[in-house]
């Protein structure tokens, strides 16, 4: 029997991420540069020989793997990830914007404040959207708290 080593998937205090997307990328080095040098993600672990890395940003994790023919369910072309965006929580959305500016990296949607109703409350966040080098849409979100919903 194989016993999984949960330490590799742990977020630290025995917690695990319920969902960790793995993104197929066309150039692992270009993607690593974008995520780690521009957006300040950290490499949790990698397998350079497999062109794979597990990344983390403030508790959000994702895996990137250079295209290798595995798990391709259809034609892969830019922009990747059509129809999906990945919300990534941040405690400082203005810092994300500054990092993108510093590297002259284009923004898909500038910072805006949005409120989403949940029952009789509204939950607020500032959002900023950017596409990674392969076109995956990343939505950075900073919590603004909640308020009563006015009908």
N, C-alpha and C. Protein backbone atom coordinates (compact mmCIF):
# COMPACT_ATOMS: atom_id res chain seq x y z
N UNK A 1 0.84 -1.17 0.00
CA UNK A 1 0.00 0.00 0.00
C UNK A 1 0.89 1.25 0.00
N UNK A 2 0.52 2.23 -0.81
CA UNK A 2 1.25 3.49 -0.86
C UNK A 2 0.56 4.48 0.06
N UNK A 3 1.32 5.06 0.96
CA UNK A 3 0.78 6.08 1.86
C UNK A 3 1.25 7.43 1.35
N UNK A 4 0.31 8.31 1.00
CA UNK A 4 0.72 9.60 0.44
C UNK A 4 1.47 10.44 1.46
N UNK A 5 2.46 11.16 0.99
CA UNK A 5 3.21 12.09 1.82
C UNK A 5 2.48 13.43 1.77
N UNK A 6 1.59 13.64 2.70
CA UNK A 6 0.75 14.84 2.71
C UNK A 6 1.56 16.11 2.91
N UNK A 7 2.77 15.98 3.41
CA UNK A 7 3.61 17.15 3.62
C UNK A 7 3.83 17.92 2.33
N UNK A 8 3.91 17.23 1.21
CA UNK A 8 4.14 17.91 -0.07
C UNK A 8 2.96 18.77 -0.49
N UNK A 9 1.79 18.46 0.03
CA UNK A 9 0.59 19.18 -0.37
C UNK A 9 0.09 20.11 0.73
N UNK A 10 0.71 20.06 1.88
CA UNK A 10 0.25 20.82 3.04
C UNK A 10 0.51 22.31 2.85
N UNK A 11 -0.39 23.11 3.39
CA UNK A 11 -0.22 24.56 3.36
C UNK A 11 0.54 25.03 4.59
N UNK A 12 0.89 24.12 5.45
CA UNK A 12 1.66 24.53 6.61
C UNK A 12 1.14 23.92 7.89
N UNK A 13 -0.04 24.26 8.29
CA UNK A 13 -0.57 23.84 9.58
C UNK A 13 -1.43 22.60 9.42
N UNK A 14 -1.01 21.67 8.59
CA UNK A 14 -1.78 20.46 8.38
C UNK A 14 -2.94 20.65 7.41
N UNK A 15 -3.09 21.86 6.89
CA UNK A 15 -4.17 22.12 5.95
C UNK A 15 -3.72 21.79 4.54
N UNK A 16 -4.68 21.39 3.72
CA UNK A 16 -4.38 21.13 2.32
C UNK A 16 -5.26 22.00 1.46
N UNK A 17 -4.75 22.36 0.29
CA UNK A 17 -5.58 23.05 -0.68
C UNK A 17 -6.55 22.05 -1.26
N UNK A 18 -7.80 22.43 -1.37
CA UNK A 18 -8.80 21.55 -1.96
C UNK A 18 -8.66 21.48 -3.47
N UNK A 19 -8.17 22.55 -4.06
CA UNK A 19 -8.03 22.62 -5.51
C UNK A 19 -6.72 23.33 -5.84
N UNK A 20 -5.88 22.67 -6.59
CA UNK A 20 -4.63 23.28 -7.05
C UNK A 20 -4.54 23.08 -8.55
N UNK A 21 -4.85 24.11 -9.34
CA UNK A 21 -4.81 23.95 -10.79
C UNK A 21 -3.39 23.74 -11.31
N UNK A 22 -3.29 22.95 -12.36
CA UNK A 22 -2.01 22.77 -13.06
C UNK A 22 -2.17 23.35 -14.45
N UNK A 23 -1.37 24.35 -14.76
CA UNK A 23 -1.47 25.05 -16.02
C UNK A 23 -0.40 24.55 -16.98
N UNK A 24 -0.81 24.17 -18.17
CA UNK A 24 0.14 23.82 -19.22
C UNK A 24 0.66 25.12 -19.81
N UNK A 25 1.98 25.28 -19.81
CA UNK A 25 2.60 26.49 -20.33
C UNK A 25 3.51 26.14 -21.50
N UNK A 26 3.74 27.10 -22.37
CA UNK A 26 4.55 26.85 -23.55
C UNK A 26 6.05 26.99 -23.28
N UNK A 27 6.42 27.82 -22.30
CA UNK A 27 7.83 28.04 -21.97
C UNK A 27 7.94 28.19 -20.46
N UNK A 28 8.44 27.15 -19.79
CA UNK A 28 8.50 27.15 -18.33
C UNK A 28 9.33 28.31 -17.79
N UNK A 29 10.42 28.66 -18.46
CA UNK A 29 11.27 29.75 -17.98
C UNK A 29 10.57 31.10 -18.07
N UNK A 30 9.86 31.33 -19.14
CA UNK A 30 9.10 32.57 -19.31
C UNK A 30 8.01 32.66 -18.24
N UNK A 31 7.33 31.54 -17.98
CA UNK A 31 6.28 31.51 -16.96
C UNK A 31 6.86 31.70 -15.56
N UNK A 32 7.96 31.02 -15.26
CA UNK A 32 8.59 31.20 -13.95
C UNK A 32 9.02 32.64 -13.74
N UNK A 33 9.56 33.27 -14.76
CA UNK A 33 9.94 34.67 -14.66
C UNK A 33 8.73 35.54 -14.34
N UNK A 34 7.63 35.33 -15.05
CA UNK A 34 6.42 36.11 -14.82
C UNK A 34 5.91 35.93 -13.39
N UNK A 35 5.74 34.69 -12.98
CA UNK A 35 5.14 34.43 -11.66
C UNK A 35 6.07 34.80 -10.50
N UNK A 36 7.36 34.52 -10.62
CA UNK A 36 8.25 34.75 -9.48
C UNK A 36 8.93 36.11 -9.50
N UNK A 37 9.32 36.60 -10.66
CA UNK A 37 10.04 37.88 -10.73
C UNK A 37 9.08 39.07 -10.81
N UNK A 38 7.95 38.89 -11.46
CA UNK A 38 7.01 40.01 -11.60
C UNK A 38 5.96 39.98 -10.50
N UNK A 39 5.32 38.84 -10.27
CA UNK A 39 4.20 38.77 -9.32
C UNK A 39 4.59 38.34 -7.92
N UNK A 40 5.82 37.97 -7.69
CA UNK A 40 6.30 37.63 -6.34
C UNK A 40 5.76 36.30 -5.80
N UNK A 41 5.41 35.36 -6.69
CA UNK A 41 5.09 34.00 -6.25
C UNK A 41 6.39 33.35 -5.77
N UNK A 42 6.27 32.37 -4.92
CA UNK A 42 7.41 31.60 -4.45
C UNK A 42 7.34 30.19 -5.03
N UNK A 43 8.48 29.62 -5.35
CA UNK A 43 8.54 28.23 -5.80
C UNK A 43 8.56 27.36 -4.55
N UNK A 44 7.53 26.52 -4.39
CA UNK A 44 7.46 25.60 -3.25
C UNK A 44 8.39 24.42 -3.51
N UNK A 45 8.29 23.86 -4.69
CA UNK A 45 9.23 22.85 -5.16
C UNK A 45 9.14 22.78 -6.67
N UNK A 46 10.17 22.21 -7.27
CA UNK A 46 10.16 22.08 -8.72
C UNK A 46 10.86 20.79 -9.13
N UNK A 47 10.65 20.43 -10.38
CA UNK A 47 11.34 19.32 -11.01
C UNK A 47 11.85 19.85 -12.35
N UNK A 48 13.00 20.51 -12.34
CA UNK A 48 13.50 21.13 -13.57
C UNK A 48 13.60 20.16 -14.74
N UNK A 49 13.97 18.92 -14.46
CA UNK A 49 14.11 17.93 -15.54
C UNK A 49 12.76 17.62 -16.20
N UNK A 50 11.67 17.85 -15.49
CA UNK A 50 10.32 17.64 -16.02
C UNK A 50 9.66 18.96 -16.43
N UNK A 51 10.39 20.07 -16.23
CA UNK A 51 9.87 21.41 -16.55
C UNK A 51 8.55 21.66 -15.82
N UNK A 52 8.61 21.46 -14.50
CA UNK A 52 7.45 21.56 -13.62
C UNK A 52 7.82 22.38 -12.38
N UNK A 53 6.85 23.15 -11.87
CA UNK A 53 7.04 23.86 -10.60
C UNK A 53 5.71 24.03 -9.89
N UNK A 54 5.75 23.94 -8.56
CA UNK A 54 4.61 24.25 -7.69
C UNK A 54 4.89 25.64 -7.13
N UNK A 55 3.93 26.55 -7.32
CA UNK A 55 4.09 27.95 -6.91
C UNK A 55 3.07 28.31 -5.85
N UNK A 56 3.41 29.34 -5.05
CA UNK A 56 2.48 29.81 -4.02
C UNK A 56 2.56 31.32 -3.90
N UNK A 57 1.38 31.92 -3.67
CA UNK A 57 1.30 33.35 -3.40
C UNK A 57 0.26 33.55 -2.30
N UNK A 58 0.70 33.94 -1.12
CA UNK A 58 -0.18 34.23 0.01
C UNK A 58 -1.24 33.14 0.22
N UNK A 59 -0.84 31.89 0.15
CA UNK A 59 -1.75 30.77 0.41
C UNK A 59 -2.40 30.18 -0.82
N UNK A 60 -2.37 30.89 -1.94
CA UNK A 60 -2.90 30.35 -3.20
C UNK A 60 -1.79 29.59 -3.90
N UNK A 61 -2.14 28.41 -4.40
CA UNK A 61 -1.13 27.59 -5.08
C UNK A 61 -1.57 27.27 -6.50
N UNK A 62 -0.58 27.11 -7.35
CA UNK A 62 -0.82 26.58 -8.69
C UNK A 62 0.44 25.88 -9.16
N UNK A 63 0.23 24.95 -10.07
CA UNK A 63 1.33 24.22 -10.67
C UNK A 63 1.46 24.67 -12.12
N UNK A 64 2.68 24.75 -12.60
CA UNK A 64 2.91 25.03 -14.01
C UNK A 64 3.79 23.91 -14.57
N UNK A 65 3.47 23.50 -15.77
CA UNK A 65 4.18 22.40 -16.40
C UNK A 65 4.29 22.71 -17.89
N UNK A 66 5.53 22.68 -18.42
CA UNK A 66 5.70 22.95 -19.84
C UNK A 66 5.03 21.85 -20.66
N UNK A 67 4.41 22.27 -21.72
CA UNK A 67 3.67 21.35 -22.60
C UNK A 67 4.52 20.13 -22.96
N UNK A 68 3.91 18.95 -22.75
CA UNK A 68 4.63 17.71 -23.02
C UNK A 68 3.76 16.64 -23.68
N UNK A 69 2.54 16.99 -24.04
CA UNK A 69 1.66 16.03 -24.71
C UNK A 69 0.73 15.27 -23.79
N UNK A 70 0.98 15.33 -22.48
CA UNK A 70 0.11 14.63 -21.53
C UNK A 70 -1.14 15.47 -21.27
N UNK A 71 -2.22 14.83 -21.07
CA UNK A 71 -3.47 15.44 -20.61
C UNK A 71 -3.98 16.55 -21.53
N UNK A 72 -3.64 16.49 -22.78
CA UNK A 72 -4.15 17.49 -23.72
C UNK A 72 -5.46 16.98 -24.29
N UNK A 73 -6.55 17.61 -23.88
CA UNK A 73 -7.88 17.16 -24.29
C UNK A 73 -8.38 17.87 -25.54
N UNK A 74 -7.61 18.78 -26.04
CA UNK A 74 -7.99 19.52 -27.24
C UNK A 74 -6.83 20.34 -27.74
N UNK A 75 -7.10 21.12 -28.76
CA UNK A 75 -6.08 21.97 -29.36
C UNK A 75 -5.65 23.05 -28.37
N UNK A 76 -4.35 23.19 -28.19
CA UNK A 76 -3.81 24.21 -27.29
C UNK A 76 -3.32 25.38 -28.11
N UNK A 77 -3.96 26.52 -27.90
CA UNK A 77 -3.55 27.74 -28.60
C UNK A 77 -3.84 28.93 -27.71
N UNK A 78 -3.15 30.01 -27.99
CA UNK A 78 -3.31 31.25 -27.22
C UNK A 78 -4.67 31.87 -27.50
N UNK A 79 -5.33 32.43 -26.52
CA UNK A 79 -5.00 32.41 -25.10
C UNK A 79 -5.44 31.10 -24.44
N UNK A 80 -4.60 30.60 -23.58
CA UNK A 80 -4.91 29.37 -22.86
C UNK A 80 -5.97 29.66 -21.80
N UNK A 81 -6.67 28.63 -21.39
CA UNK A 81 -7.63 28.77 -20.29
C UNK A 81 -8.87 29.56 -20.64
N UNK A 82 -9.29 29.51 -21.89
CA UNK A 82 -10.49 30.26 -22.28
C UNK A 82 -11.67 29.85 -21.41
N UNK A 83 -12.41 30.84 -20.94
CA UNK A 83 -13.62 30.56 -20.17
C UNK A 83 -13.41 30.41 -18.68
N UNK A 84 -12.18 30.59 -18.21
CA UNK A 84 -11.92 30.47 -16.78
C UNK A 84 -11.00 31.60 -16.35
N UNK A 85 -11.18 32.05 -15.11
CA UNK A 85 -10.19 32.94 -14.51
C UNK A 85 -9.90 32.41 -13.12
N UNK A 86 -8.71 32.67 -12.65
CA UNK A 86 -8.27 32.17 -11.35
C UNK A 86 -8.20 33.33 -10.38
N UNK A 87 -9.06 33.31 -9.35
CA UNK A 87 -9.03 34.36 -8.34
C UNK A 87 -7.94 34.03 -7.33
N UNK A 88 -7.09 35.00 -7.09
CA UNK A 88 -5.96 34.85 -6.17
C UNK A 88 -6.07 35.96 -5.13
N UNK A 89 -6.24 35.58 -3.88
CA UNK A 89 -6.37 36.56 -2.80
C UNK A 89 -5.02 37.24 -2.56
N UNK A 90 -5.08 38.54 -2.31
CA UNK A 90 -3.88 39.31 -1.98
C UNK A 90 -4.22 40.28 -0.86
N UNK A 91 -3.23 40.62 -0.06
CA UNK A 91 -3.47 41.61 0.99
C UNK A 91 -3.06 43.01 0.53
N UNK A 92 -2.55 43.12 -0.71
CA UNK A 92 -2.10 44.43 -1.20
C UNK A 92 -2.18 44.48 -2.73
N UNK A 93 -3.35 44.81 -3.23
CA UNK A 93 -3.55 44.83 -4.68
C UNK A 93 -2.76 45.95 -5.36
N UNK A 94 -2.55 47.05 -4.63
CA UNK A 94 -1.76 48.14 -5.20
C UNK A 94 -0.32 47.70 -5.45
N UNK A 95 0.20 46.83 -4.58
CA UNK A 95 1.56 46.30 -4.79
C UNK A 95 1.62 45.49 -6.08
N UNK A 96 0.59 44.68 -6.33
CA UNK A 96 0.54 43.90 -7.58
C UNK A 96 0.58 44.85 -8.77
N UNK A 97 -0.20 45.92 -8.70
CA UNK A 97 -0.24 46.89 -9.80
C UNK A 97 1.12 47.54 -10.01
N UNK A 98 1.79 47.90 -8.90
CA UNK A 98 3.13 48.50 -9.00
C UNK A 98 4.13 47.54 -9.62
N UNK A 99 4.06 46.26 -9.21
CA UNK A 99 4.98 45.26 -9.78
C UNK A 99 4.78 45.14 -11.29
N UNK A 100 3.53 45.11 -11.71
CA UNK A 100 3.24 45.03 -13.15
C UNK A 100 3.75 46.28 -13.86
N UNK A 101 3.53 47.45 -13.27
CA UNK A 101 4.04 48.71 -13.84
C UNK A 101 5.55 48.70 -13.97
N UNK A 102 6.22 48.28 -12.90
CA UNK A 102 7.68 48.25 -12.87
C UNK A 102 8.24 47.44 -14.02
N UNK A 103 7.56 46.35 -14.35
CA UNK A 103 8.03 45.46 -15.42
C UNK A 103 7.35 45.76 -16.75
N UNK A 104 6.60 46.88 -16.79
CA UNK A 104 5.91 47.29 -18.01
C UNK A 104 5.05 46.16 -18.58
N UNK A 105 4.37 45.44 -17.67
CA UNK A 105 3.54 44.31 -18.07
C UNK A 105 2.09 44.78 -18.20
N UNK A 106 1.41 44.45 -19.29
CA UNK A 106 0.05 44.95 -19.51
C UNK A 106 -0.98 44.35 -18.55
N UNK A 107 -1.96 45.17 -18.21
CA UNK A 107 -3.06 44.76 -17.33
C UNK A 107 -4.29 44.51 -18.20
N UNK A 108 -5.03 43.47 -17.89
CA UNK A 108 -6.26 43.16 -18.62
C UNK A 108 -7.41 44.03 -18.14
N UNK A 109 -7.51 44.21 -16.82
CA UNK A 109 -8.53 45.09 -16.24
C UNK A 109 -7.94 45.79 -15.03
N UNK A 110 -8.01 47.11 -15.03
CA UNK A 110 -7.46 47.90 -13.92
C UNK A 110 -8.22 47.60 -12.62
N UNK A 111 -7.63 48.05 -11.52
CA UNK A 111 -8.23 47.85 -10.20
C UNK A 111 -9.62 48.48 -10.16
N UNK A 112 -10.57 47.69 -9.69
CA UNK A 112 -11.92 48.22 -9.47
C UNK A 112 -12.50 47.58 -8.22
N UNK A 113 -13.39 48.32 -7.58
CA UNK A 113 -14.08 47.84 -6.38
C UNK A 113 -15.38 47.18 -6.81
N UNK A 114 -15.61 45.97 -6.32
CA UNK A 114 -16.84 45.24 -6.65
C UNK A 114 -17.44 44.66 -5.37
N UNK A 115 -18.78 44.51 -5.39
CA UNK A 115 -19.50 43.96 -4.25
C UNK A 115 -20.40 42.84 -4.75
N UNK A 116 -20.34 41.71 -4.05
CA UNK A 116 -21.12 40.53 -4.42
C UNK A 116 -22.08 40.20 -3.28
N UNK A 117 -23.35 40.01 -3.63
CA UNK A 117 -24.36 39.71 -2.61
C UNK A 117 -24.29 38.26 -2.18
N UNK A 118 -24.36 38.06 -0.86
CA UNK A 118 -24.49 36.73 -0.27
C UNK A 118 -25.55 36.83 0.81
N UNK A 119 -26.75 36.35 0.48
CA UNK A 119 -27.86 36.49 1.42
C UNK A 119 -28.20 37.94 1.61
N UNK A 120 -28.21 38.40 2.87
CA UNK A 120 -28.54 39.80 3.16
C UNK A 120 -27.29 40.66 3.38
N UNK A 121 -26.15 40.17 2.94
CA UNK A 121 -24.89 40.91 3.05
C UNK A 121 -24.26 41.08 1.67
N UNK A 122 -23.38 42.05 1.57
CA UNK A 122 -22.55 42.20 0.38
C UNK A 122 -21.10 42.09 0.80
N UNK A 123 -20.34 41.31 0.04
CA UNK A 123 -18.92 41.12 0.29
C UNK A 123 -18.16 41.92 -0.75
N UNK A 124 -17.24 42.75 -0.29
CA UNK A 124 -16.52 43.62 -1.21
C UNK A 124 -15.08 43.21 -1.41
N UNK A 125 -14.59 43.52 -2.60
CA UNK A 125 -13.17 43.32 -2.87
C UNK A 125 -12.73 44.24 -3.99
N UNK A 126 -11.43 44.57 -3.97
CA UNK A 126 -10.80 45.24 -5.10
C UNK A 126 -10.26 44.15 -5.99
N UNK A 127 -10.44 44.30 -7.29
CA UNK A 127 -9.99 43.29 -8.25
C UNK A 127 -9.10 43.91 -9.31
N UNK A 128 -8.12 43.13 -9.75
CA UNK A 128 -7.22 43.50 -10.84
C UNK A 128 -7.01 42.24 -11.66
N UNK A 129 -7.18 42.33 -12.98
CA UNK A 129 -7.01 41.16 -13.84
C UNK A 129 -5.82 41.34 -14.77
N UNK A 130 -5.08 40.24 -14.93
CA UNK A 130 -3.91 40.23 -15.80
C UNK A 130 -3.82 38.85 -16.45
N UNK A 131 -3.35 38.82 -17.69
CA UNK A 131 -3.11 37.54 -18.36
C UNK A 131 -1.64 37.18 -18.21
N UNK A 132 -1.39 35.90 -17.92
CA UNK A 132 0.00 35.45 -17.85
C UNK A 132 0.53 35.29 -19.27
N UNK A 133 1.79 34.93 -19.46
CA UNK A 133 2.35 34.86 -20.82
C UNK A 133 1.62 33.90 -21.77
N UNK A 134 0.89 32.93 -21.22
CA UNK A 134 0.14 31.99 -22.06
C UNK A 134 -1.32 32.39 -22.22
N UNK A 135 -1.71 33.49 -21.59
CA UNK A 135 -3.08 33.97 -21.74
C UNK A 135 -4.03 33.56 -20.63
N UNK A 136 -3.55 32.80 -19.64
CA UNK A 136 -4.41 32.46 -18.50
C UNK A 136 -4.78 33.74 -17.78
N UNK A 137 -6.05 33.88 -17.42
CA UNK A 137 -6.54 35.10 -16.79
C UNK A 137 -6.49 34.97 -15.27
N UNK A 138 -5.73 35.85 -14.64
CA UNK A 138 -5.56 35.86 -13.19
C UNK A 138 -6.31 37.06 -12.63
N UNK A 139 -7.15 36.80 -11.62
CA UNK A 139 -7.92 37.87 -10.97
C UNK A 139 -7.43 38.01 -9.54
N UNK A 140 -6.62 39.03 -9.29
CA UNK A 140 -6.16 39.29 -7.93
C UNK A 140 -7.26 40.04 -7.19
N UNK A 141 -7.51 39.64 -5.94
CA UNK A 141 -8.62 40.19 -5.18
C UNK A 141 -8.18 40.51 -3.75
N UNK A 142 -8.46 41.75 -3.33
CA UNK A 142 -8.18 42.19 -1.97
C UNK A 142 -9.49 42.41 -1.25
N UNK A 143 -9.65 41.79 -0.09
CA UNK A 143 -10.89 41.85 0.69
C UNK A 143 -11.16 43.26 1.20
N UNK A 144 -12.44 43.68 1.08
CA UNK A 144 -12.88 44.97 1.60
C UNK A 144 -13.88 44.82 2.74
N UNK A 145 -14.16 43.58 3.13
CA UNK A 145 -15.12 43.35 4.21
C UNK A 145 -16.53 43.15 3.68
N UNK A 146 -17.49 43.36 4.58
CA UNK A 146 -18.89 43.17 4.19
C UNK A 146 -19.75 44.32 4.70
N UNK A 147 -20.92 44.44 4.09
CA UNK A 147 -21.90 45.44 4.51
C UNK A 147 -23.29 44.87 4.27
N UNK A 148 -24.27 45.50 4.87
CA UNK A 148 -25.65 45.06 4.67
C UNK A 148 -26.07 45.31 3.23
N UNK A 149 -26.84 44.37 2.70
CA UNK A 149 -27.37 44.53 1.36
C UNK A 149 -28.62 45.39 1.43
N UNK A 150 -28.66 46.42 0.63
CA UNK A 150 -29.82 47.31 0.57
C UNK A 150 -30.64 46.90 -0.63
N UNK A 151 -31.87 46.46 -0.39
CA UNK A 151 -32.74 45.95 -1.46
C UNK A 151 -33.16 47.04 -2.39
